[in-house]
Amino acid sequence: MRLLDTESSAALARTRSIGPDEVLGEPSPFGPGVQKPTARPPLLGPASYRHDGHAGSLALADPRFCVGMAFTTNVSPPVGGASAAALTLVAAARHCLNASGRSTTD
């Protein structure tokens, strides 16, 4: 089921600002209410957008691939941003897309 129309999804994918992320302690790009890819995490590519949550949770979407995914946990370690487990899940999805011939670096 598609939750956002193409125009709304494209708007979320556009970077609107870059500034300090007080949780991660580094500059971060933002779309309207969402976080954009950085070196950590690169997500599924430049069109991806995300939002990190409590205890390392992560929700993300990438309109180029029509992919949306989320990771959540009931464990509450002191994590700033997406947890290592969430980033491992994203890396596996990126690997699968690249292996299928759909480049995540374009």
N, C-alpha and C. Protein backbone atom coordinates (compact mmCIF):
# COMPACT_ATOMS: atom_id res chain seq x y z
N MET A 1 0.84 -1.16 0.00
CA MET A 1 0.00 0.00 0.00
C MET A 1 0.89 1.24 0.00
N ARG A 2 0.63 2.13 -0.90
CA ARG A 2 1.38 3.38 -0.96
C ARG A 2 0.75 4.41 -0.03
N LEU A 3 1.56 4.98 0.87
CA LEU A 3 1.05 5.94 1.84
C LEU A 3 1.20 7.38 1.39
N LEU A 4 2.20 7.66 0.55
CA LEU A 4 2.46 9.02 0.07
C LEU A 4 2.38 9.05 -1.44
N ASP A 5 1.87 10.14 -1.99
CA ASP A 5 1.89 10.27 -3.44
C ASP A 5 3.32 10.60 -3.88
N THR A 6 3.55 10.53 -5.17
CA THR A 6 4.89 10.73 -5.73
C THR A 6 5.45 12.11 -5.38
N GLU A 7 4.62 13.13 -5.45
CA GLU A 7 5.08 14.49 -5.16
C GLU A 7 5.51 14.65 -3.70
N SER A 8 4.74 14.10 -2.78
CA SER A 8 5.07 14.19 -1.35
C SER A 8 6.36 13.44 -1.04
N SER A 9 6.51 12.27 -1.63
CA SER A 9 7.71 11.47 -1.41
C SER A 9 8.95 12.19 -1.96
N ALA A 10 8.82 12.78 -3.13
CA ALA A 10 9.94 13.53 -3.72
C ALA A 10 10.30 14.73 -2.86
N ALA A 11 9.29 15.39 -2.27
CA ALA A 11 9.57 16.54 -1.39
C ALA A 11 10.36 16.10 -0.16
N LEU A 12 10.02 14.96 0.41
CA LEU A 12 10.76 14.46 1.57
C LEU A 12 12.20 14.10 1.21
N ALA A 13 12.42 13.66 -0.02
CA ALA A 13 13.75 13.24 -0.45
C ALA A 13 14.70 14.41 -0.69
N ARG A 14 14.18 15.63 -0.84
CA ARG A 14 15.03 16.80 -1.10
C ARG A 14 15.62 17.34 0.19
N THR A 15 16.91 17.62 0.16
CA THR A 15 17.59 18.23 1.31
C THR A 15 17.15 19.68 1.41
N ARG A 16 16.71 20.08 2.60
CA ARG A 16 16.26 21.46 2.84
C ARG A 16 17.27 22.25 3.65
N SER A 17 18.02 21.56 4.51
CA SER A 17 18.99 22.27 5.34
C SER A 17 20.05 21.29 5.82
N ILE A 18 21.19 21.85 6.19
CA ILE A 18 22.27 21.06 6.79
C ILE A 18 22.70 21.81 8.03
N GLY A 19 22.73 21.11 9.15
CA GLY A 19 23.09 21.77 10.39
C GLY A 19 23.51 20.77 11.44
N PRO A 20 23.88 21.26 12.61
CA PRO A 20 24.35 20.37 13.67
C PRO A 20 23.23 19.49 14.20
N ASP A 21 23.54 18.22 14.36
CA ASP A 21 22.63 17.27 14.99
C ASP A 21 23.11 17.11 16.42
N GLU A 22 22.34 17.60 17.36
CA GLU A 22 22.75 17.60 18.76
C GLU A 22 22.86 16.19 19.34
N VAL A 23 22.13 15.24 18.80
CA VAL A 23 22.19 13.86 19.30
C VAL A 23 23.44 13.16 18.76
N LEU A 24 23.67 13.28 17.46
CA LEU A 24 24.80 12.59 16.84
C LEU A 24 26.11 13.35 16.98
N GLY A 25 26.02 14.64 17.25
CA GLY A 25 27.23 15.44 17.42
C GLY A 25 27.98 15.69 16.13
N GLU A 26 27.24 15.77 15.03
CA GLU A 26 27.87 16.01 13.72
C GLU A 26 26.88 16.76 12.83
N PRO A 27 27.38 17.40 11.77
CA PRO A 27 26.46 18.06 10.84
C PRO A 27 25.60 17.01 10.14
N SER A 28 24.33 17.32 9.98
CA SER A 28 23.41 16.39 9.34
C SER A 28 22.50 17.13 8.36
N PRO A 29 22.25 16.52 7.20
CA PRO A 29 21.29 17.10 6.26
C PRO A 29 19.87 16.68 6.62
N PHE A 30 18.93 17.59 6.41
CA PHE A 30 17.53 17.32 6.72
C PHE A 30 16.64 17.67 5.54
N GLY A 31 15.62 16.87 5.34
CA GLY A 31 14.49 17.21 4.47
C GLY A 31 13.43 17.79 5.37
N PRO A 32 12.20 17.96 4.88
CA PRO A 32 11.14 18.50 5.73
C PRO A 32 10.68 17.48 6.77
N GLY A 33 11.30 17.53 7.95
CA GLY A 33 10.94 16.63 9.04
C GLY A 33 11.62 15.28 9.02
N VAL A 34 12.56 15.09 8.12
CA VAL A 34 13.26 13.81 8.02
C VAL A 34 14.76 14.05 7.92
N GLN A 35 15.51 13.02 8.27
CA GLN A 35 16.97 13.07 8.16
C GLN A 35 17.36 12.48 6.80
N LYS A 36 18.40 13.02 6.22
CA LYS A 36 18.91 12.55 4.94
C LYS A 36 20.15 11.68 5.17
N PRO A 37 20.60 10.95 4.15
CA PRO A 37 21.78 10.09 4.31
C PRO A 37 23.04 10.87 4.65
N THR A 38 23.90 10.24 5.43
CA THR A 38 25.22 10.76 5.75
C THR A 38 26.20 9.61 5.57
N ALA A 39 27.46 9.83 5.87
CA ALA A 39 28.42 8.72 5.83
C ALA A 39 27.98 7.61 6.78
N ARG A 40 27.38 8.00 7.90
CA ARG A 40 26.80 7.04 8.82
C ARG A 40 25.41 7.52 9.20
N PRO A 41 24.37 6.97 8.72
CA PRO A 41 24.25 5.86 7.78
C PRO A 41 24.01 6.35 6.35
N PRO A 42 24.58 5.67 5.35
CA PRO A 42 24.35 6.08 3.96
C PRO A 42 22.96 5.71 3.44
N LEU A 43 22.23 4.92 4.20
CA LEU A 43 20.89 4.44 3.82
C LEU A 43 20.96 3.67 2.51
N LEU A 44 19.95 3.85 1.65
CA LEU A 44 19.92 3.10 0.39
C LEU A 44 20.42 3.94 -0.77
N GLY A 45 20.79 5.18 -0.51
CA GLY A 45 21.30 6.05 -1.55
C GLY A 45 20.88 7.49 -1.30
N PRO A 46 21.23 8.38 -2.21
CA PRO A 46 21.01 9.81 -1.99
C PRO A 46 19.54 10.23 -1.93
N ALA A 47 18.62 9.45 -2.46
CA ALA A 47 17.19 9.81 -2.41
C ALA A 47 16.51 9.31 -1.14
N SER A 48 17.21 8.54 -0.33
CA SER A 48 16.63 8.00 0.90
C SER A 48 16.38 9.09 1.93
N TYR A 49 15.45 8.83 2.81
CA TYR A 49 15.23 9.68 3.97
C TYR A 49 14.84 8.79 5.15
N ARG A 50 15.09 9.31 6.37
CA ARG A 50 14.91 8.47 7.55
C ARG A 50 14.53 9.32 8.75
N HIS A 51 14.23 8.60 9.81
CA HIS A 51 14.19 9.22 11.12
C HIS A 51 14.61 8.19 12.14
N ASP A 52 15.63 8.54 12.93
CA ASP A 52 16.10 7.67 14.01
C ASP A 52 15.15 7.82 15.18
N GLY A 53 15.04 6.77 15.98
CA GLY A 53 14.16 6.82 17.12
C GLY A 53 14.83 6.34 18.39
N HIS A 54 14.03 6.16 19.42
CA HIS A 54 14.51 5.75 20.73
C HIS A 54 15.25 4.41 20.66
N ALA A 55 16.33 4.32 21.39
CA ALA A 55 17.10 3.08 21.57
C ALA A 55 17.71 2.54 20.28
N GLY A 56 17.90 3.40 19.29
CA GLY A 56 18.53 2.96 18.05
C GLY A 56 17.56 2.52 16.98
N SER A 57 16.27 2.76 17.17
CA SER A 57 15.27 2.43 16.15
C SER A 57 15.50 3.29 14.90
N LEU A 58 14.99 2.82 13.78
CA LEU A 58 15.17 3.53 12.52
C LEU A 58 14.02 3.21 11.58
N ALA A 59 13.48 4.22 10.93
CA ALA A 59 12.52 4.04 9.84
C ALA A 59 13.08 4.78 8.64
N LEU A 60 12.97 4.18 7.46
CA LEU A 60 13.50 4.83 6.27
C LEU A 60 12.66 4.50 5.06
N ALA A 61 12.80 5.33 4.04
CA ALA A 61 12.15 5.10 2.75
C ALA A 61 13.09 5.57 1.66
N ASP A 62 12.93 4.98 0.48
CA ASP A 62 13.67 5.43 -0.69
C ASP A 62 12.72 5.36 -1.88
N PRO A 63 12.27 6.52 -2.38
CA PRO A 63 11.30 6.53 -3.47
C PRO A 63 11.84 5.93 -4.77
N ARG A 64 13.15 5.96 -4.99
CA ARG A 64 13.69 5.38 -6.23
C ARG A 64 13.45 3.89 -6.30
N PHE A 65 13.51 3.24 -5.17
CA PHE A 65 13.36 1.78 -5.14
C PHE A 65 11.99 1.33 -4.65
N CYS A 66 11.11 2.30 -4.33
CA CYS A 66 9.80 1.97 -3.74
C CYS A 66 9.98 1.07 -2.53
N VAL A 67 10.93 1.44 -1.66
CA VAL A 67 11.25 0.66 -0.47
C VAL A 67 11.00 1.49 0.77
N GLY A 68 10.38 0.87 1.74
CA GLY A 68 10.25 1.45 3.06
C GLY A 68 10.55 0.35 4.06
N MET A 69 11.23 0.67 5.13
CA MET A 69 11.57 -0.34 6.13
C MET A 69 11.76 0.31 7.49
N ALA A 70 11.66 -0.51 8.51
CA ALA A 70 11.83 0.01 9.86
C ALA A 70 12.46 -1.06 10.74
N PHE A 71 13.17 -0.60 11.76
CA PHE A 71 13.76 -1.47 12.77
C PHE A 71 13.43 -0.86 14.12
N THR A 72 12.91 -1.67 15.00
CA THR A 72 12.64 -1.20 16.35
C THR A 72 13.04 -2.29 17.34
N THR A 73 13.22 -1.90 18.57
CA THR A 73 13.67 -2.82 19.59
C THR A 73 13.01 -2.50 20.92
N ASN A 74 12.95 -3.49 21.80
CA ASN A 74 12.44 -3.22 23.14
C ASN A 74 13.59 -3.11 24.14
N VAL A 75 14.82 -3.13 23.63
CA VAL A 75 16.01 -2.95 24.45
C VAL A 75 16.37 -1.48 24.39
N SER A 76 16.77 -0.91 25.51
CA SER A 76 17.04 0.51 25.53
C SER A 76 18.49 0.81 25.91
N PRO A 77 19.43 0.52 25.00
CA PRO A 77 20.81 0.90 25.29
C PRO A 77 21.00 2.40 25.07
N PRO A 78 22.05 2.97 25.61
CA PRO A 78 22.32 4.39 25.38
C PRO A 78 22.90 4.61 23.98
N VAL A 79 22.03 4.69 22.99
CA VAL A 79 22.44 4.82 21.60
C VAL A 79 21.99 6.18 21.09
N GLY A 80 22.88 6.89 20.43
CA GLY A 80 22.53 8.13 19.75
C GLY A 80 22.40 7.83 18.27
N GLY A 81 21.22 7.98 17.73
CA GLY A 81 21.00 7.66 16.33
C GLY A 81 20.67 6.19 16.15
N ALA A 82 20.74 5.73 14.91
CA ALA A 82 20.41 4.35 14.58
C ALA A 82 21.42 3.40 15.22
N SER A 83 20.93 2.27 15.71
CA SER A 83 21.80 1.28 16.36
C SER A 83 22.59 0.49 15.32
N ALA A 84 23.59 -0.22 15.78
CA ALA A 84 24.39 -1.08 14.89
C ALA A 84 23.49 -2.13 14.23
N ALA A 85 22.52 -2.65 14.95
CA ALA A 85 21.60 -3.65 14.38
C ALA A 85 20.77 -3.03 13.25
N ALA A 86 20.27 -1.81 13.45
CA ALA A 86 19.50 -1.14 12.41
C ALA A 86 20.36 -0.87 11.18
N LEU A 87 21.60 -0.43 11.40
CA LEU A 87 22.50 -0.15 10.28
C LEU A 87 22.88 -1.42 9.53
N THR A 88 22.97 -2.56 10.24
CA THR A 88 23.23 -3.84 9.59
C THR A 88 22.08 -4.22 8.68
N LEU A 89 20.85 -4.00 9.11
CA LEU A 89 19.68 -4.26 8.29
C LEU A 89 19.69 -3.40 7.03
N VAL A 90 20.01 -2.12 7.17
CA VAL A 90 20.08 -1.22 6.02
C VAL A 90 21.19 -1.67 5.06
N ALA A 91 22.34 -2.06 5.58
CA ALA A 91 23.44 -2.52 4.73
C ALA A 91 23.03 -3.77 3.95
N ALA A 92 22.28 -4.67 4.58
CA ALA A 92 21.81 -5.88 3.90
C ALA A 92 20.85 -5.52 2.77
N ALA A 93 19.96 -4.57 3.00
CA ALA A 93 19.04 -4.14 1.95
C ALA A 93 19.80 -3.49 0.80
N ARG A 94 20.79 -2.64 1.14
CA ARG A 94 21.62 -2.00 0.11
C ARG A 94 22.35 -3.05 -0.71
N HIS A 95 22.90 -4.07 -0.05
CA HIS A 95 23.59 -5.16 -0.74
C HIS A 95 22.65 -5.88 -1.71
N CYS A 96 21.44 -6.18 -1.25
CA CYS A 96 20.47 -6.87 -2.11
C CYS A 96 20.11 -6.04 -3.33
N LEU A 97 19.91 -4.74 -3.14
CA LEU A 97 19.60 -3.87 -4.28
C LEU A 97 20.75 -3.83 -5.27
N ASN A 98 21.97 -3.68 -4.77
CA ASN A 98 23.14 -3.66 -5.66
C ASN A 98 23.32 -5.00 -6.37
N ALA A 99 23.10 -6.11 -5.66
CA ALA A 99 23.26 -7.44 -6.26
C ALA A 99 22.22 -7.69 -7.35
N SER A 100 21.07 -7.03 -7.24
CA SER A 100 20.02 -7.21 -8.25
C SER A 100 20.23 -6.27 -9.45
N GLY A 101 21.32 -5.49 -9.43
CA GLY A 101 21.63 -4.60 -10.53
C GLY A 101 21.05 -3.20 -10.38
N ARG A 102 20.49 -2.90 -9.22
CA ARG A 102 19.91 -1.57 -8.96
C ARG A 102 20.89 -0.79 -8.11
N SER A 103 21.69 0.06 -8.72
CA SER A 103 22.76 0.78 -8.04
C SER A 103 22.21 1.73 -6.99
N THR A 104 22.77 1.65 -5.79
CA THR A 104 22.37 2.56 -4.71
C THR A 104 23.26 3.79 -4.64
N THR A 105 24.24 3.92 -5.51
CA THR A 105 25.15 5.05 -5.45
C THR A 105 24.82 6.14 -6.48
N ASP A 106 23.84 5.91 -7.32
CA ASP A 106 23.47 6.90 -8.35
C ASP A 106 22.54 7.94 -7.81
